Amino acid sequence: MYGYQLRLEFEASTGSTWPLNVGQVYTTLGRLERDGLVRAVDTAEEGQRTYAITDAGRAEVRAWFATPVSRESPPRDELAIKLALAVNAPGVDVPAVIQAQRTATVEALQAYTRLKSASADGDLSWLLVVDSLIFAAEAEVRWLDHCETRLVRHRRPDRRPITGTADVTGRQEARR
C-alpha cells in the first residue's frame, strides 16, 4: 500500500478515533524504510510509492503484539491535572468543574453507545475500539463520582485530625 491507503486502513480499523496526518504517515514510512522494516516496491503513475513489509518488519510487528503496553510512564491525563490544580486555585468552583466534565463524559458515553449499536455487526477492530472508549468513559464517570465524594469529605467543617490511643490490648483506637 502507499501512505494514503495505509492511513485510510488505519482510520477504518479505529473508527477514525485517532486521525492520522498523511504527512506523518509518509515520514514514518521513510523511517521504516531506512530501518529495513518496509521497502518500496513500486511507484504508481501518480507518483505514489507502494510499500511492503520486510521479514524484519514482520518480526518487529510480532514482537510489538507480544509485548504488553507499559504502564511505567502513564499518559498525561489532562482531566486529572485540571482537578489537581483546581482544588488549590483560588476562586475555582471545583464541584462545577466536576459536574461539567461529568455531563460531557456522559454525553460522549451516549454517543459511543449509539455508534456501537449502529455498527453491532460491523468490523471487529472498530467494535474493540468503541468498547475501549465506552469502558474508559464509564471509568471516568466513576472516578468523577469518587472525586466529588472525596472533595465533600475533605472539606467537611467538623473534620478534625484522627489521633490514636492504645487500649489495654495494645490495639489502636481511633478518636476524633
N, C-alpha and C. Protein backbone atom coordinates (compact mmCIF):
# COMPACT_ATOMS: atom_id res chain seq x y z
N MET A 1 0.84 -1.19 0.00
CA MET A 1 0.00 0.00 0.00
C MET A 1 0.88 1.25 0.00
N TYR A 2 0.31 2.32 -0.44
CA TYR A 2 1.01 3.58 -0.30
C TYR A 2 0.45 4.30 0.93
N GLY A 3 1.10 5.38 1.33
CA GLY A 3 0.80 6.03 2.60
C GLY A 3 -0.65 6.40 2.80
N TYR A 4 -1.28 6.97 1.79
CA TYR A 4 -2.67 7.38 1.94
C TYR A 4 -3.56 6.16 2.16
N GLN A 5 -3.27 5.06 1.48
CA GLN A 5 -4.04 3.83 1.68
C GLN A 5 -3.86 3.31 3.11
N LEU A 6 -2.64 3.37 3.61
CA LEU A 6 -2.38 2.94 4.99
C LEU A 6 -3.16 3.79 5.98
N ARG A 7 -3.18 5.10 5.73
CA ARG A 7 -3.94 6.00 6.60
C ARG A 7 -5.42 5.62 6.60
N LEU A 8 -5.99 5.41 5.42
CA LEU A 8 -7.40 5.04 5.32
C LEU A 8 -7.68 3.72 6.04
N GLU A 9 -6.80 2.75 5.87
CA GLU A 9 -6.95 1.44 6.52
C GLU A 9 -6.92 1.59 8.05
N PHE A 10 -5.97 2.37 8.54
CA PHE A 10 -5.85 2.58 9.99
C PHE A 10 -7.10 3.27 10.52
N GLU A 11 -7.53 4.32 9.85
CA GLU A 11 -8.70 5.06 10.34
C GLU A 11 -9.97 4.22 10.24
N ALA A 12 -10.08 3.37 9.24
CA ALA A 12 -11.24 2.48 9.15
C ALA A 12 -11.23 1.48 10.30
N SER A 13 -10.05 0.98 10.65
CA SER A 13 -9.95 -0.01 11.74
C SER A 13 -10.22 0.60 13.10
N THR A 14 -9.93 1.89 13.25
CA THR A 14 -10.10 2.53 14.56
C THR A 14 -11.30 3.47 14.60
N GLY A 15 -12.11 3.43 13.55
CA GLY A 15 -13.29 4.29 13.51
C GLY A 15 -12.94 5.76 13.49
N SER A 16 -11.77 6.09 12.98
CA SER A 16 -11.28 7.47 12.90
C SER A 16 -11.18 8.14 14.27
N THR A 17 -11.03 7.34 15.32
CA THR A 17 -10.89 7.93 16.65
C THR A 17 -9.52 8.56 16.85
N TRP A 18 -8.53 8.12 16.08
CA TRP A 18 -7.20 8.70 16.12
C TRP A 18 -6.81 9.07 14.70
N PRO A 19 -7.29 10.19 14.18
CA PRO A 19 -6.96 10.54 12.80
C PRO A 19 -5.46 10.76 12.62
N LEU A 20 -4.96 10.30 11.49
CA LEU A 20 -3.54 10.43 11.18
C LEU A 20 -3.33 11.54 10.17
N ASN A 21 -2.24 12.26 10.34
CA ASN A 21 -1.79 13.23 9.35
C ASN A 21 -1.04 12.45 8.28
N VAL A 22 -1.47 12.56 7.04
CA VAL A 22 -0.87 11.76 5.98
C VAL A 22 0.62 12.09 5.82
N GLY A 23 1.01 13.31 6.10
CA GLY A 23 2.43 13.66 6.06
C GLY A 23 3.24 12.87 7.08
N GLN A 24 2.66 12.68 8.26
CA GLN A 24 3.32 11.89 9.29
C GLN A 24 3.42 10.42 8.87
N VAL A 25 2.41 9.94 8.16
CA VAL A 25 2.45 8.56 7.67
C VAL A 25 3.65 8.38 6.74
N TYR A 26 3.83 9.34 5.82
CA TYR A 26 4.95 9.22 4.88
C TYR A 26 6.29 9.40 5.59
N THR A 27 6.35 10.26 6.59
CA THR A 27 7.59 10.42 7.36
C THR A 27 7.93 9.11 8.06
N THR A 28 6.90 8.48 8.64
CA THR A 28 7.11 7.21 9.33
C THR A 28 7.53 6.12 8.35
N LEU A 29 6.90 6.09 7.18
CA LEU A 29 7.29 5.10 6.16
C LEU A 29 8.76 5.29 5.77
N GLY A 30 9.19 6.53 5.64
CA GLY A 30 10.59 6.80 5.32
C GLY A 30 11.53 6.26 6.39
N ARG A 31 11.17 6.45 7.65
CA ARG A 31 11.97 5.93 8.76
C ARG A 31 11.96 4.40 8.77
N LEU A 32 10.80 3.82 8.53
CA LEU A 32 10.70 2.35 8.49
C LEU A 32 11.53 1.78 7.35
N GLU A 33 11.53 2.48 6.22
CA GLU A 33 12.34 2.02 5.08
C GLU A 33 13.82 2.15 5.43
N ARG A 34 14.21 3.24 6.03
CA ARG A 34 15.61 3.44 6.43
C ARG A 34 16.07 2.33 7.37
N ASP A 35 15.15 1.90 8.27
CA ASP A 35 15.48 0.88 9.26
C ASP A 35 15.30 -0.55 8.74
N GLY A 36 14.91 -0.69 7.47
CA GLY A 36 14.78 -2.02 6.87
C GLY A 36 13.51 -2.76 7.26
N LEU A 37 12.50 -2.05 7.77
CA LEU A 37 11.27 -2.71 8.20
C LEU A 37 10.21 -2.73 7.11
N VAL A 38 10.31 -1.82 6.14
CA VAL A 38 9.48 -1.84 4.93
C VAL A 38 10.41 -1.54 3.75
N ARG A 39 9.91 -1.84 2.55
CA ARG A 39 10.69 -1.49 1.36
C ARG A 39 9.72 -0.98 0.31
N ALA A 40 10.19 -0.04 -0.48
CA ALA A 40 9.39 0.47 -1.59
C ALA A 40 9.39 -0.60 -2.68
N VAL A 41 8.21 -0.94 -3.19
CA VAL A 41 8.11 -1.99 -4.20
C VAL A 41 7.72 -1.47 -5.56
N ASP A 42 7.11 -0.28 -5.59
CA ASP A 42 6.64 0.22 -6.87
C ASP A 42 6.33 1.70 -6.72
N THR A 43 6.37 2.40 -7.83
CA THR A 43 5.92 3.78 -7.86
C THR A 43 4.82 3.85 -8.91
N ALA A 44 3.64 4.29 -8.48
CA ALA A 44 2.49 4.37 -9.38
C ALA A 44 2.68 5.54 -10.34
N GLU A 45 1.85 5.57 -11.39
CA GLU A 45 1.91 6.66 -12.36
C GLU A 45 1.70 8.01 -11.70
N GLU A 46 0.90 8.05 -10.65
CA GLU A 46 0.62 9.31 -9.95
C GLU A 46 1.76 9.70 -9.01
N GLY A 47 2.79 8.89 -8.94
CA GLY A 47 3.95 9.21 -8.12
C GLY A 47 3.92 8.62 -6.72
N GLN A 48 2.86 7.89 -6.36
CA GLN A 48 2.80 7.28 -5.03
C GLN A 48 3.69 6.06 -4.97
N ARG A 49 4.47 6.00 -3.91
CA ARG A 49 5.33 4.82 -3.69
C ARG A 49 4.54 3.79 -2.91
N THR A 50 4.54 2.58 -3.39
CA THR A 50 3.89 1.47 -2.70
C THR A 50 4.94 0.77 -1.85
N TYR A 51 4.55 0.44 -0.62
CA TYR A 51 5.47 -0.18 0.33
C TYR A 51 5.00 -1.57 0.70
N ALA A 52 5.96 -2.42 1.03
CA ALA A 52 5.68 -3.77 1.52
C ALA A 52 6.51 -3.98 2.78
N ILE A 53 5.96 -4.74 3.70
CA ILE A 53 6.68 -5.04 4.94
C ILE A 53 7.77 -6.08 4.65
N THR A 54 8.91 -5.95 5.30
CA THR A 54 10.01 -6.91 5.14
C THR A 54 9.90 -7.98 6.22
N ASP A 55 10.74 -9.00 6.12
CA ASP A 55 10.77 -10.04 7.16
C ASP A 55 11.13 -9.42 8.50
N ALA A 56 12.09 -8.48 8.49
CA ALA A 56 12.45 -7.79 9.75
C ALA A 56 11.28 -7.00 10.28
N GLY A 57 10.51 -6.40 9.39
CA GLY A 57 9.31 -5.66 9.80
C GLY A 57 8.27 -6.57 10.42
N ARG A 58 8.08 -7.75 9.81
CA ARG A 58 7.12 -8.73 10.38
C ARG A 58 7.56 -9.16 11.78
N ALA A 59 8.85 -9.39 11.95
CA ALA A 59 9.37 -9.78 13.27
C ALA A 59 9.13 -8.67 14.29
N GLU A 60 9.32 -7.43 13.87
CA GLU A 60 9.10 -6.29 14.76
C GLU A 60 7.62 -6.18 15.15
N VAL A 61 6.74 -6.39 14.19
CA VAL A 61 5.30 -6.34 14.47
C VAL A 61 4.92 -7.47 15.43
N ARG A 62 5.43 -8.68 15.20
CA ARG A 62 5.14 -9.80 16.12
C ARG A 62 5.61 -9.47 17.53
N ALA A 63 6.79 -8.89 17.65
CA ALA A 63 7.33 -8.51 18.97
C ALA A 63 6.45 -7.45 19.62
N TRP A 64 5.97 -6.50 18.83
CA TRP A 64 5.10 -5.44 19.36
C TRP A 64 3.80 -6.03 19.89
N PHE A 65 3.19 -6.92 19.13
CA PHE A 65 1.95 -7.55 19.58
C PHE A 65 2.17 -8.40 20.82
N ALA A 66 3.32 -9.02 20.95
CA ALA A 66 3.60 -9.91 22.08
C ALA A 66 3.99 -9.15 23.35
N THR A 67 4.31 -7.87 23.23
CA THR A 67 4.77 -7.09 24.38
C THR A 67 3.61 -6.31 24.98
N PRO A 68 3.35 -6.50 26.29
CA PRO A 68 2.28 -5.72 26.93
C PRO A 68 2.58 -4.22 26.88
N VAL A 69 1.53 -3.43 26.86
CA VAL A 69 1.67 -1.98 26.90
C VAL A 69 2.20 -1.60 28.28
N SER A 70 3.25 -0.80 28.31
CA SER A 70 3.88 -0.41 29.57
C SER A 70 3.02 0.60 30.33
N ARG A 71 2.97 0.43 31.62
CA ARG A 71 2.27 1.39 32.48
C ARG A 71 3.26 2.17 33.34
N GLU A 72 4.57 2.01 33.02
CA GLU A 72 5.60 2.70 33.78
C GLU A 72 5.48 4.21 33.64
N SER A 73 5.20 4.68 32.46
CA SER A 73 5.01 6.10 32.21
C SER A 73 3.58 6.30 31.73
N PRO A 74 2.65 6.44 32.67
CA PRO A 74 1.26 6.59 32.23
C PRO A 74 1.11 7.86 31.40
N PRO A 75 0.19 7.83 30.45
CA PRO A 75 -0.02 9.02 29.64
C PRO A 75 -0.52 10.18 30.50
N ARG A 76 -0.18 11.38 30.10
CA ARG A 76 -0.63 12.55 30.85
C ARG A 76 -2.14 12.63 30.75
N ASP A 77 -2.80 12.80 31.87
CA ASP A 77 -4.25 12.87 31.93
C ASP A 77 -4.64 14.31 32.23
N GLU A 78 -5.08 15.02 31.20
CA GLU A 78 -5.40 16.43 31.36
C GLU A 78 -6.47 16.67 32.41
N LEU A 79 -7.46 15.80 32.49
CA LEU A 79 -8.53 15.98 33.47
C LEU A 79 -8.00 15.84 34.90
N ALA A 80 -7.18 14.84 35.15
CA ALA A 80 -6.61 14.68 36.50
C ALA A 80 -5.76 15.89 36.87
N ILE A 81 -5.00 16.39 35.91
CA ILE A 81 -4.17 17.58 36.17
C ILE A 81 -5.07 18.78 36.44
N LYS A 82 -6.12 18.94 35.65
CA LYS A 82 -7.04 20.06 35.83
C LYS A 82 -7.64 20.06 37.24
N LEU A 83 -8.11 18.89 37.69
CA LEU A 83 -8.71 18.82 39.03
C LEU A 83 -7.67 19.01 40.13
N ALA A 84 -6.47 18.46 39.93
CA ALA A 84 -5.41 18.64 40.93
C ALA A 84 -5.07 20.11 41.10
N LEU A 85 -5.04 20.85 40.01
CA LEU A 85 -4.75 22.28 40.09
C LEU A 85 -5.96 23.07 40.61
N ALA A 86 -7.16 22.63 40.24
CA ALA A 86 -8.38 23.35 40.62
C ALA A 86 -8.59 23.38 42.14
N VAL A 87 -8.24 22.29 42.83
CA VAL A 87 -8.52 22.25 44.27
C VAL A 87 -7.72 23.28 45.05
N ASN A 88 -6.61 23.75 44.49
CA ASN A 88 -5.80 24.76 45.18
C ASN A 88 -5.86 26.13 44.53
N ALA A 89 -6.57 26.27 43.44
CA ALA A 89 -6.65 27.55 42.75
C ALA A 89 -7.76 28.38 43.37
N PRO A 90 -7.45 29.61 43.76
CA PRO A 90 -8.48 30.45 44.37
C PRO A 90 -9.59 30.77 43.37
N GLY A 91 -10.82 30.74 43.87
CA GLY A 91 -11.96 31.12 43.06
C GLY A 91 -12.48 30.08 42.10
N VAL A 92 -11.92 28.88 42.11
CA VAL A 92 -12.39 27.83 41.20
C VAL A 92 -13.47 27.02 41.90
N ASP A 93 -14.60 26.89 41.26
CA ASP A 93 -15.71 26.09 41.79
C ASP A 93 -15.47 24.65 41.34
N VAL A 94 -14.74 23.90 42.17
CA VAL A 94 -14.33 22.55 41.80
C VAL A 94 -15.54 21.64 41.55
N PRO A 95 -16.58 21.67 42.40
CA PRO A 95 -17.75 20.84 42.08
C PRO A 95 -18.35 21.17 40.71
N ALA A 96 -18.32 22.43 40.31
CA ALA A 96 -18.84 22.80 38.99
C ALA A 96 -17.94 22.24 37.88
N VAL A 97 -16.64 22.23 38.11
CA VAL A 97 -15.71 21.65 37.14
C VAL A 97 -16.02 20.17 36.99
N ILE A 98 -16.20 19.49 38.11
CA ILE A 98 -16.50 18.05 38.09
C ILE A 98 -17.82 17.80 37.37
N GLN A 99 -18.84 18.60 37.69
CA GLN A 99 -20.15 18.40 37.08
C GLN A 99 -20.12 18.66 35.57
N ALA A 100 -19.41 19.69 35.16
CA ALA A 100 -19.31 19.98 33.72
C ALA A 100 -18.63 18.82 32.99
N GLN A 101 -17.59 18.27 33.60
CA GLN A 101 -16.90 17.15 32.97
C GLN A 101 -17.78 15.91 32.95
N ARG A 102 -18.50 15.67 34.05
CA ARG A 102 -19.39 14.51 34.10
C ARG A 102 -20.43 14.60 32.98
N THR A 103 -21.02 15.77 32.80
CA THR A 103 -22.01 15.97 31.74
C THR A 103 -21.41 15.67 30.37
N ALA A 104 -20.23 16.22 30.11
CA ALA A 104 -19.56 15.99 28.82
C ALA A 104 -19.22 14.52 28.63
N THR A 105 -18.77 13.87 29.68
CA THR A 105 -18.38 12.46 29.58
C THR A 105 -19.60 11.57 29.37
N VAL A 106 -20.69 11.86 30.05
CA VAL A 106 -21.92 11.07 29.86
C VAL A 106 -22.43 11.26 28.42
N GLU A 107 -22.34 12.48 27.90
CA GLU A 107 -22.76 12.71 26.51
C GLU A 107 -21.87 11.92 25.55
N ALA A 108 -20.57 11.89 25.81
CA ALA A 108 -19.65 11.11 24.97
C ALA A 108 -19.98 9.62 25.08
N LEU A 109 -20.25 9.16 26.30
CA LEU A 109 -20.61 7.76 26.52
C LEU A 109 -21.86 7.39 25.73
N GLN A 110 -22.85 8.27 25.73
CA GLN A 110 -24.07 8.02 24.96
C GLN A 110 -23.77 7.97 23.46
N ALA A 111 -22.90 8.86 23.00
CA ALA A 111 -22.54 8.86 21.57
C ALA A 111 -21.80 7.58 21.21
N TYR A 112 -20.87 7.14 22.06
CA TYR A 112 -20.15 5.90 21.80
C TYR A 112 -21.10 4.71 21.77
N THR A 113 -22.06 4.71 22.69
CA THR A 113 -23.02 3.61 22.74
C THR A 113 -23.89 3.58 21.48
N ARG A 114 -24.28 4.77 20.99
CA ARG A 114 -25.04 4.83 19.74
C ARG A 114 -24.19 4.31 18.56
N LEU A 115 -22.92 4.71 18.54
CA LEU A 115 -22.02 4.22 17.49
C LEU A 115 -21.91 2.70 17.51
N LYS A 116 -21.79 2.16 18.72
CA LYS A 116 -21.66 0.71 18.85
C LYS A 116 -22.94 0.02 18.38
N SER A 117 -24.09 0.56 18.77
CA SER A 117 -25.36 -0.03 18.36
C SER A 117 -25.54 0.02 16.85
N ALA A 118 -25.11 1.13 16.25
CA ALA A 118 -25.25 1.29 14.80
C ALA A 118 -24.34 0.35 14.02
N SER A 119 -23.26 -0.09 14.66
CA SER A 119 -22.31 -0.95 13.96
C SER A 119 -22.15 -2.29 14.65
N ALA A 120 -23.22 -2.78 15.26
CA ALA A 120 -23.17 -4.03 16.02
C ALA A 120 -22.64 -5.19 15.18
N ASP A 121 -22.95 -5.20 13.91
CA ASP A 121 -22.48 -6.27 13.03
C ASP A 121 -21.26 -5.83 12.24
N GLY A 122 -20.65 -4.75 12.68
CA GLY A 122 -19.54 -4.16 11.93
C GLY A 122 -18.21 -4.85 12.13
N ASP A 123 -17.20 -4.15 11.74
CA ASP A 123 -15.82 -4.61 11.79
C ASP A 123 -15.40 -4.86 13.23
N LEU A 124 -14.83 -6.01 13.51
CA LEU A 124 -14.41 -6.36 14.86
C LEU A 124 -13.40 -5.36 15.42
N SER A 125 -12.46 -4.90 14.59
CA SER A 125 -11.47 -3.95 15.09
C SER A 125 -12.14 -2.68 15.59
N TRP A 126 -13.11 -2.16 14.86
CA TRP A 126 -13.83 -0.96 15.29
C TRP A 126 -14.62 -1.24 16.56
N LEU A 127 -15.27 -2.39 16.66
CA LEU A 127 -16.03 -2.72 17.86
C LEU A 127 -15.13 -2.77 19.09
N LEU A 128 -13.91 -3.29 18.94
CA LEU A 128 -12.98 -3.31 20.07
C LEU A 128 -12.59 -1.89 20.48
N VAL A 129 -12.37 -1.03 19.50
CA VAL A 129 -12.01 0.37 19.82
C VAL A 129 -13.17 1.07 20.51
N VAL A 130 -14.38 0.93 19.98
CA VAL A 130 -15.51 1.62 20.60
C VAL A 130 -15.80 1.05 21.99
N ASP A 131 -15.59 -0.25 22.20
CA ASP A 131 -15.73 -0.81 23.55
C ASP A 131 -14.72 -0.17 24.50
N SER A 132 -13.51 0.03 24.04
CA SER A 132 -12.49 0.68 24.86
C SER A 132 -12.91 2.10 25.23
N LEU A 133 -13.45 2.82 24.28
CA LEU A 133 -13.92 4.18 24.55
C LEU A 133 -15.07 4.18 25.55
N ILE A 134 -15.97 3.22 25.43
CA ILE A 134 -17.10 3.13 26.36
C ILE A 134 -16.60 2.82 27.77
N PHE A 135 -15.72 1.83 27.89
CA PHE A 135 -15.19 1.47 29.22
C PHE A 135 -14.43 2.63 29.84
N ALA A 136 -13.65 3.36 29.03
CA ALA A 136 -12.89 4.50 29.55
C ALA A 136 -13.84 5.60 30.03
N ALA A 137 -14.90 5.86 29.28
CA ALA A 137 -15.86 6.89 29.69
C ALA A 137 -16.59 6.47 30.97
N GLU A 138 -16.97 5.20 31.05
CA GLU A 138 -17.62 4.71 32.28
C GLU A 138 -16.69 4.85 33.48
N ALA A 139 -15.42 4.50 33.28
CA ALA A 139 -14.45 4.63 34.37
C ALA A 139 -14.27 6.09 34.76
N GLU A 140 -14.28 6.98 33.79
CA GLU A 140 -14.13 8.41 34.11
C GLU A 140 -15.31 8.91 34.93
N VAL A 141 -16.52 8.49 34.59
CA VAL A 141 -17.69 8.90 35.37
C VAL A 141 -17.57 8.39 36.81
N ARG A 142 -17.14 7.13 36.97
CA ARG A 142 -16.95 6.59 38.33
C ARG A 142 -15.88 7.38 39.08
N TRP A 143 -14.79 7.73 38.40
CA TRP A 143 -13.72 8.49 39.03
C TRP A 143 -14.21 9.88 39.41
N LEU A 144 -15.00 10.52 38.56
CA LEU A 144 -15.55 11.84 38.89
C LEU A 144 -16.47 11.75 40.10
N ASP A 145 -17.27 10.68 40.20
CA ASP A 145 -18.10 10.47 41.40
C ASP A 145 -17.21 10.35 42.63
N HIS A 146 -16.14 9.60 42.51
CA HIS A 146 -15.18 9.43 43.61
C HIS A 146 -14.56 10.78 43.99
N CYS A 147 -14.17 11.57 43.00
CA CYS A 147 -13.57 12.89 43.28
C CYS A 147 -14.55 13.77 44.02
N GLU A 148 -15.79 13.75 43.60
CA GLU A 148 -16.81 14.56 44.26
C GLU A 148 -16.98 14.13 45.72
N THR A 149 -17.02 12.84 45.97
CA THR A 149 -17.14 12.33 47.34
C THR A 149 -15.92 12.71 48.17
N ARG A 150 -14.75 12.56 47.60
CA ARG A 150 -13.52 12.91 48.31
C ARG A 150 -13.49 14.40 48.63
N LEU A 151 -13.94 15.22 47.71
CA LEU A 151 -13.97 16.66 47.91
C LEU A 151 -14.90 17.02 49.07
N VAL A 152 -16.06 16.40 49.11
CA VAL A 152 -17.02 16.65 50.20
C VAL A 152 -16.42 16.22 51.54
N ARG A 153 -15.82 15.06 51.60
CA ARG A 153 -15.21 14.57 52.85
C ARG A 153 -14.05 15.45 53.29
N HIS A 154 -13.26 15.89 52.33
CA HIS A 154 -12.07 16.68 52.65
C HIS A 154 -12.44 18.06 53.19
N ARG A 155 -13.52 18.62 52.75
CA ARG A 155 -13.90 19.99 53.12
C ARG A 155 -14.96 20.06 54.21
N ARG A 156 -15.27 18.94 54.87
CA ARG A 156 -16.24 18.97 55.96
C ARG A 156 -15.75 19.89 57.06
N PRO A 157 -16.58 20.83 57.54
CA PRO A 157 -16.13 21.77 58.56
C PRO A 157 -15.83 21.11 59.91
N ASP A 158 -16.48 19.98 60.22
CA ASP A 158 -16.27 19.33 61.52
C ASP A 158 -15.07 18.39 61.51
N ARG A 159 -14.35 18.38 60.43
CA ARG A 159 -13.24 17.43 60.30
C ARG A 159 -12.11 17.81 61.25
N ARG A 160 -11.74 16.86 62.07
CA ARG A 160 -10.62 17.05 63.00
C ARG A 160 -9.63 15.93 62.74
N PRO A 161 -8.36 16.16 63.03
CA PRO A 161 -7.39 15.10 62.80
C PRO A 161 -7.71 13.88 63.66
N ILE A 162 -7.41 12.72 63.12
CA ILE A 162 -7.60 11.48 63.87
C ILE A 162 -6.34 11.23 64.68
N THR A 163 -6.54 10.96 65.97
CA THR A 163 -5.41 10.61 66.83
C THR A 163 -5.65 9.22 67.35
N GLY A 164 -4.60 8.52 67.65
CA GLY A 164 -4.75 7.14 68.11
C GLY A 164 -4.34 7.00 69.56
N THR A 165 -5.04 6.16 70.29
CA THR A 165 -4.66 5.80 71.66
C THR A 165 -4.72 4.29 71.76
N ALA A 166 -3.84 3.71 72.49
CA ALA A 166 -3.81 2.26 72.63
C ALA A 166 -4.76 1.84 73.75
N ASP A 167 -5.54 0.78 73.51
CA ASP A 167 -6.37 0.25 74.60
C ASP A 167 -5.54 -0.80 75.35
N VAL A 168 -6.15 -1.47 76.29
CA VAL A 168 -5.39 -2.39 77.14
C VAL A 168 -4.81 -3.57 76.37
N THR A 169 -5.33 -3.89 75.20
CA THR A 169 -4.79 -5.00 74.42
C THR A 169 -3.67 -4.55 73.50
N GLY A 170 -3.41 -3.25 73.45
CA GLY A 170 -2.37 -2.73 72.58
C GLY A 170 -2.89 -2.34 71.19
N ARG A 171 -4.19 -2.58 70.92
CA ARG A 171 -4.77 -2.17 69.62
C ARG A 171 -4.98 -0.68 69.62
N GLN A 172 -4.81 -0.12 68.44
CA GLN A 172 -5.03 1.32 68.31
C GLN A 172 -6.53 1.59 68.20
N GLU A 173 -6.97 2.63 68.83
CA GLU A 173 -8.35 3.06 68.75
C GLU A 173 -8.35 4.47 68.19
N ALA A 174 -9.14 4.67 67.15
CA ALA A 174 -9.19 6.00 66.53
C ALA A 174 -10.14 6.88 67.30
N ARG A 175 -9.72 8.13 67.54
CA ARG A 175 -10.59 9.11 68.20
C ARG A 175 -10.52 10.41 67.43
N ARG A 176 -11.64 11.08 67.45
CA ARG A 176 -11.68 12.42 66.84
C ARG A 176 -11.68 13.43 67.94
